[in-house]
N, C-alpha and C. Protein backbone atom coordinates (compact mmCIF):
# COMPACT_ATOMS: atom_id res chain seq x y z
N MET A 1 0.86 -1.17 0.00
CA MET A 1 0.00 0.00 0.00
C MET A 1 0.90 1.24 0.00
N THR A 2 0.63 2.14 -0.94
CA THR A 2 1.43 3.36 -1.07
C THR A 2 0.51 4.57 -1.08
N GLN A 3 0.84 5.58 -0.30
CA GLN A 3 0.07 6.82 -0.28
C GLN A 3 0.46 7.64 -1.50
N VAL A 4 -0.53 8.19 -2.19
CA VAL A 4 -0.30 9.06 -3.35
C VAL A 4 -0.42 10.49 -2.88
N THR A 5 0.64 11.29 -3.08
CA THR A 5 0.66 12.65 -2.54
C THR A 5 0.61 13.74 -3.61
N THR A 6 0.79 13.38 -4.88
CA THR A 6 0.73 14.36 -5.97
C THR A 6 0.17 13.69 -7.22
N SER A 7 -0.33 14.51 -8.14
CA SER A 7 -0.81 13.96 -9.40
C SER A 7 0.36 13.45 -10.24
N ALA A 8 1.53 14.06 -10.11
CA ALA A 8 2.72 13.58 -10.82
C ALA A 8 3.08 12.17 -10.34
N GLN A 9 3.01 11.94 -9.05
CA GLN A 9 3.28 10.60 -8.51
C GLN A 9 2.24 9.61 -9.03
N LEU A 10 0.98 10.03 -9.08
CA LEU A 10 -0.08 9.16 -9.59
C LEU A 10 0.21 8.77 -11.04
N ARG A 11 0.56 9.73 -11.88
CA ARG A 11 0.87 9.44 -13.29
C ARG A 11 2.06 8.49 -13.40
N LYS A 12 3.09 8.69 -12.58
CA LYS A 12 4.27 7.82 -12.61
C LYS A 12 3.90 6.39 -12.21
N MET A 13 3.10 6.27 -11.17
CA MET A 13 2.68 4.94 -10.72
C MET A 13 1.86 4.24 -11.80
N ILE A 14 0.97 4.97 -12.46
CA ILE A 14 0.17 4.40 -13.55
C ILE A 14 1.09 3.94 -14.67
N GLU A 15 2.07 4.78 -15.02
CA GLU A 15 3.05 4.44 -16.06
C GLU A 15 3.80 3.16 -15.71
N GLU A 16 4.02 2.92 -14.43
CA GLU A 16 4.73 1.72 -13.96
C GLU A 16 3.79 0.52 -13.81
N GLY A 17 2.51 0.70 -14.14
CA GLY A 17 1.58 -0.43 -14.14
C GLY A 17 0.66 -0.54 -12.94
N VAL A 18 0.65 0.46 -12.08
CA VAL A 18 -0.23 0.43 -10.90
C VAL A 18 -1.53 1.13 -11.28
N HIS A 19 -2.66 0.40 -11.21
CA HIS A 19 -3.94 0.95 -11.62
C HIS A 19 -5.03 0.83 -10.56
N ASP A 20 -4.78 0.11 -9.48
CA ASP A 20 -5.79 -0.11 -8.45
C ASP A 20 -5.53 0.79 -7.24
N TYR A 21 -6.51 1.66 -6.97
CA TYR A 21 -6.38 2.67 -5.91
C TYR A 21 -7.64 2.69 -5.06
N PHE A 22 -7.53 3.37 -3.92
CA PHE A 22 -8.71 3.59 -3.09
C PHE A 22 -8.56 4.90 -2.33
N ILE A 23 -9.72 5.49 -2.04
CA ILE A 23 -9.78 6.65 -1.16
C ILE A 23 -10.17 6.12 0.21
N GLN A 24 -9.36 6.44 1.21
CA GLN A 24 -9.65 6.03 2.58
C GLN A 24 -10.74 6.94 3.13
N LEU A 25 -11.86 6.37 3.49
CA LEU A 25 -12.99 7.12 4.02
C LEU A 25 -13.05 6.98 5.54
N ASN A 26 -13.98 7.65 6.15
CA ASN A 26 -14.18 7.55 7.61
C ASN A 26 -14.53 6.13 8.02
N PHE A 27 -14.18 5.78 9.23
CA PHE A 27 -14.51 4.50 9.85
C PHE A 27 -13.89 3.32 9.12
N GLY A 28 -12.78 3.53 8.40
CA GLY A 28 -12.07 2.45 7.74
C GLY A 28 -12.67 2.02 6.41
N LEU A 29 -13.69 2.70 5.93
CA LEU A 29 -14.28 2.36 4.64
C LEU A 29 -13.38 2.83 3.50
N ARG A 30 -13.54 2.21 2.33
CA ARG A 30 -12.72 2.56 1.17
C ARG A 30 -13.61 2.74 -0.06
N SER A 31 -13.20 3.67 -0.91
CA SER A 31 -13.83 3.86 -2.21
C SER A 31 -12.80 3.43 -3.26
N SER A 32 -12.99 2.23 -3.82
CA SER A 32 -12.01 1.65 -4.75
C SER A 32 -12.19 2.19 -6.16
N LYS A 33 -11.05 2.37 -6.84
CA LYS A 33 -11.05 2.91 -8.18
C LYS A 33 -9.95 2.27 -9.01
N GLN A 34 -10.21 2.10 -10.29
CA GLN A 34 -9.17 1.75 -11.24
C GLN A 34 -8.89 3.02 -12.03
N ILE A 35 -7.63 3.42 -12.08
CA ILE A 35 -7.28 4.68 -12.72
C ILE A 35 -6.21 4.43 -13.79
N ASP A 36 -6.42 5.02 -14.95
CA ASP A 36 -5.43 4.98 -16.02
C ASP A 36 -5.22 6.41 -16.49
N TYR A 37 -4.12 6.65 -17.20
CA TYR A 37 -3.82 7.99 -17.70
C TYR A 37 -3.23 7.88 -19.09
N SER A 38 -3.66 8.76 -19.98
CA SER A 38 -3.12 8.80 -21.34
C SER A 38 -2.35 10.10 -21.54
N PRO A 39 -1.03 10.02 -21.75
CA PRO A 39 -0.25 11.23 -22.00
C PRO A 39 -0.66 11.91 -23.31
N GLU A 40 -1.14 11.13 -24.27
CA GLU A 40 -1.54 11.70 -25.56
C GLU A 40 -2.73 12.64 -25.42
N THR A 41 -3.72 12.23 -24.62
CA THR A 41 -4.92 13.05 -24.44
C THR A 41 -4.86 13.88 -23.17
N GLU A 42 -3.89 13.57 -22.30
CA GLU A 42 -3.76 14.20 -20.98
C GLU A 42 -5.04 14.03 -20.17
N LYS A 43 -5.63 12.83 -20.25
CA LYS A 43 -6.86 12.51 -19.54
C LYS A 43 -6.65 11.32 -18.61
N TYR A 44 -7.35 11.37 -17.51
CA TYR A 44 -7.42 10.25 -16.57
C TYR A 44 -8.70 9.47 -16.89
N TYR A 45 -8.60 8.17 -16.91
CA TYR A 45 -9.74 7.29 -17.14
C TYR A 45 -9.98 6.52 -15.85
N ILE A 46 -11.15 6.70 -15.29
CA ILE A 46 -11.44 6.20 -13.95
C ILE A 46 -12.66 5.28 -13.97
N LEU A 47 -12.53 4.14 -13.33
CA LEU A 47 -13.65 3.24 -13.08
C LEU A 47 -13.91 3.27 -11.59
N ASN A 48 -15.08 3.77 -11.21
CA ASN A 48 -15.48 3.80 -9.80
C ASN A 48 -16.14 2.46 -9.49
N GLU A 49 -15.45 1.64 -8.72
CA GLU A 49 -15.91 0.27 -8.49
C GLU A 49 -17.18 0.19 -7.65
N ILE A 50 -17.47 1.22 -6.88
CA ILE A 50 -18.64 1.17 -6.01
C ILE A 50 -19.94 1.11 -6.82
N ASP A 51 -19.95 1.77 -7.99
CA ASP A 51 -21.18 1.79 -8.80
C ASP A 51 -20.92 1.52 -10.28
N ASP A 52 -19.71 1.10 -10.62
CA ASP A 52 -19.31 0.78 -11.99
C ASP A 52 -19.45 1.95 -12.96
N THR A 53 -19.38 3.18 -12.46
CA THR A 53 -19.41 4.33 -13.37
C THR A 53 -18.00 4.60 -13.87
N GLU A 54 -17.93 5.16 -15.07
CA GLU A 54 -16.65 5.50 -15.68
C GLU A 54 -16.58 7.00 -15.90
N GLN A 55 -15.37 7.53 -15.78
CA GLN A 55 -15.14 8.95 -15.98
C GLN A 55 -13.89 9.16 -16.83
N GLU A 56 -13.90 10.22 -17.59
CA GLU A 56 -12.74 10.66 -18.37
C GLU A 56 -12.52 12.12 -17.98
N LEU A 57 -11.44 12.37 -17.24
CA LEU A 57 -11.22 13.70 -16.66
C LEU A 57 -9.83 14.24 -16.99
N ASP A 58 -9.75 15.56 -17.17
CA ASP A 58 -8.44 16.18 -17.31
C ASP A 58 -7.92 16.54 -15.91
N GLU A 59 -6.72 17.09 -15.84
CA GLU A 59 -6.08 17.40 -14.56
C GLU A 59 -6.93 18.36 -13.71
N LYS A 60 -7.47 19.39 -14.34
CA LYS A 60 -8.28 20.37 -13.61
C LYS A 60 -9.52 19.70 -13.02
N GLN A 61 -10.19 18.86 -13.80
CA GLN A 61 -11.37 18.16 -13.31
C GLN A 61 -11.04 17.17 -12.21
N LEU A 62 -9.84 16.57 -12.27
CA LEU A 62 -9.42 15.62 -11.25
C LEU A 62 -9.40 16.27 -9.86
N PHE A 63 -9.12 17.57 -9.83
CA PHE A 63 -9.05 18.29 -8.56
C PHE A 63 -10.31 19.12 -8.27
N ASP A 64 -11.36 18.89 -9.04
CA ASP A 64 -12.63 19.58 -8.84
C ASP A 64 -13.62 18.59 -8.23
N ARG A 65 -14.06 18.85 -7.02
CA ARG A 65 -14.93 17.92 -6.30
C ARG A 65 -16.31 17.76 -6.94
N VAL A 66 -16.65 18.61 -7.89
CA VAL A 66 -17.89 18.44 -8.64
C VAL A 66 -17.82 17.14 -9.44
N PHE A 67 -16.62 16.79 -9.91
CA PHE A 67 -16.42 15.62 -10.75
C PHE A 67 -15.99 14.38 -9.97
N THR A 68 -15.07 14.55 -9.02
CA THR A 68 -14.51 13.41 -8.28
C THR A 68 -13.86 13.89 -6.99
N ASN A 69 -13.67 12.98 -6.08
CA ASN A 69 -12.96 13.28 -4.82
C ASN A 69 -11.50 12.87 -4.88
N ILE A 70 -11.01 12.42 -6.02
CA ILE A 70 -9.63 11.94 -6.11
C ILE A 70 -8.63 13.04 -5.80
N GLY A 71 -8.76 14.20 -6.41
CA GLY A 71 -7.84 15.30 -6.15
C GLY A 71 -7.88 15.74 -4.70
N TYR A 72 -9.08 15.81 -4.15
CA TYR A 72 -9.24 16.17 -2.74
C TYR A 72 -8.54 15.13 -1.85
N ALA A 73 -8.69 13.86 -2.23
CA ALA A 73 -8.04 12.79 -1.46
C ALA A 73 -6.52 12.91 -1.55
N ILE A 74 -6.00 13.24 -2.72
CA ILE A 74 -4.55 13.43 -2.87
C ILE A 74 -4.09 14.55 -1.95
N GLN A 75 -4.78 15.66 -1.99
CA GLN A 75 -4.40 16.83 -1.19
C GLN A 75 -4.49 16.57 0.32
N ASN A 76 -5.33 15.62 0.71
CA ASN A 76 -5.55 15.36 2.13
C ASN A 76 -4.96 14.03 2.60
N GLY A 77 -4.09 13.44 1.79
CA GLY A 77 -3.40 12.22 2.20
C GLY A 77 -4.29 11.01 2.33
N ALA A 78 -5.34 10.92 1.49
CA ALA A 78 -6.29 9.82 1.62
C ALA A 78 -6.37 8.93 0.38
N LEU A 79 -5.49 9.14 -0.60
CA LEU A 79 -5.48 8.26 -1.79
C LEU A 79 -4.31 7.30 -1.66
N TYR A 80 -4.62 6.02 -1.85
CA TYR A 80 -3.60 4.97 -1.73
C TYR A 80 -3.72 4.00 -2.89
N SER A 81 -2.60 3.37 -3.21
CA SER A 81 -2.64 2.24 -4.15
C SER A 81 -2.77 0.98 -3.33
N TYR A 82 -3.36 -0.05 -3.92
CA TYR A 82 -3.46 -1.33 -3.24
C TYR A 82 -2.11 -2.04 -3.26
N GLU A 83 -1.23 -1.65 -4.14
CA GLU A 83 0.06 -2.35 -4.30
C GLU A 83 1.15 -1.68 -3.50
């Protein structure tokens, strides 16, 4: 398990083959996600495992809580990889 502290670290981990992540929630709960990134499109591709929804987000949207809590989790030390 590795804590993700920046979007650059997240992109590097994805490039190295790490795609399974979770947001640590209150009371030990987790929000699991599969995350991929395309340098060509500069987009993150996210599968939210809790409800099987998919998202395609740019960097700005990744840090906008209207779209996802991933950026907020990064900023608050709550995003981790399962590996």
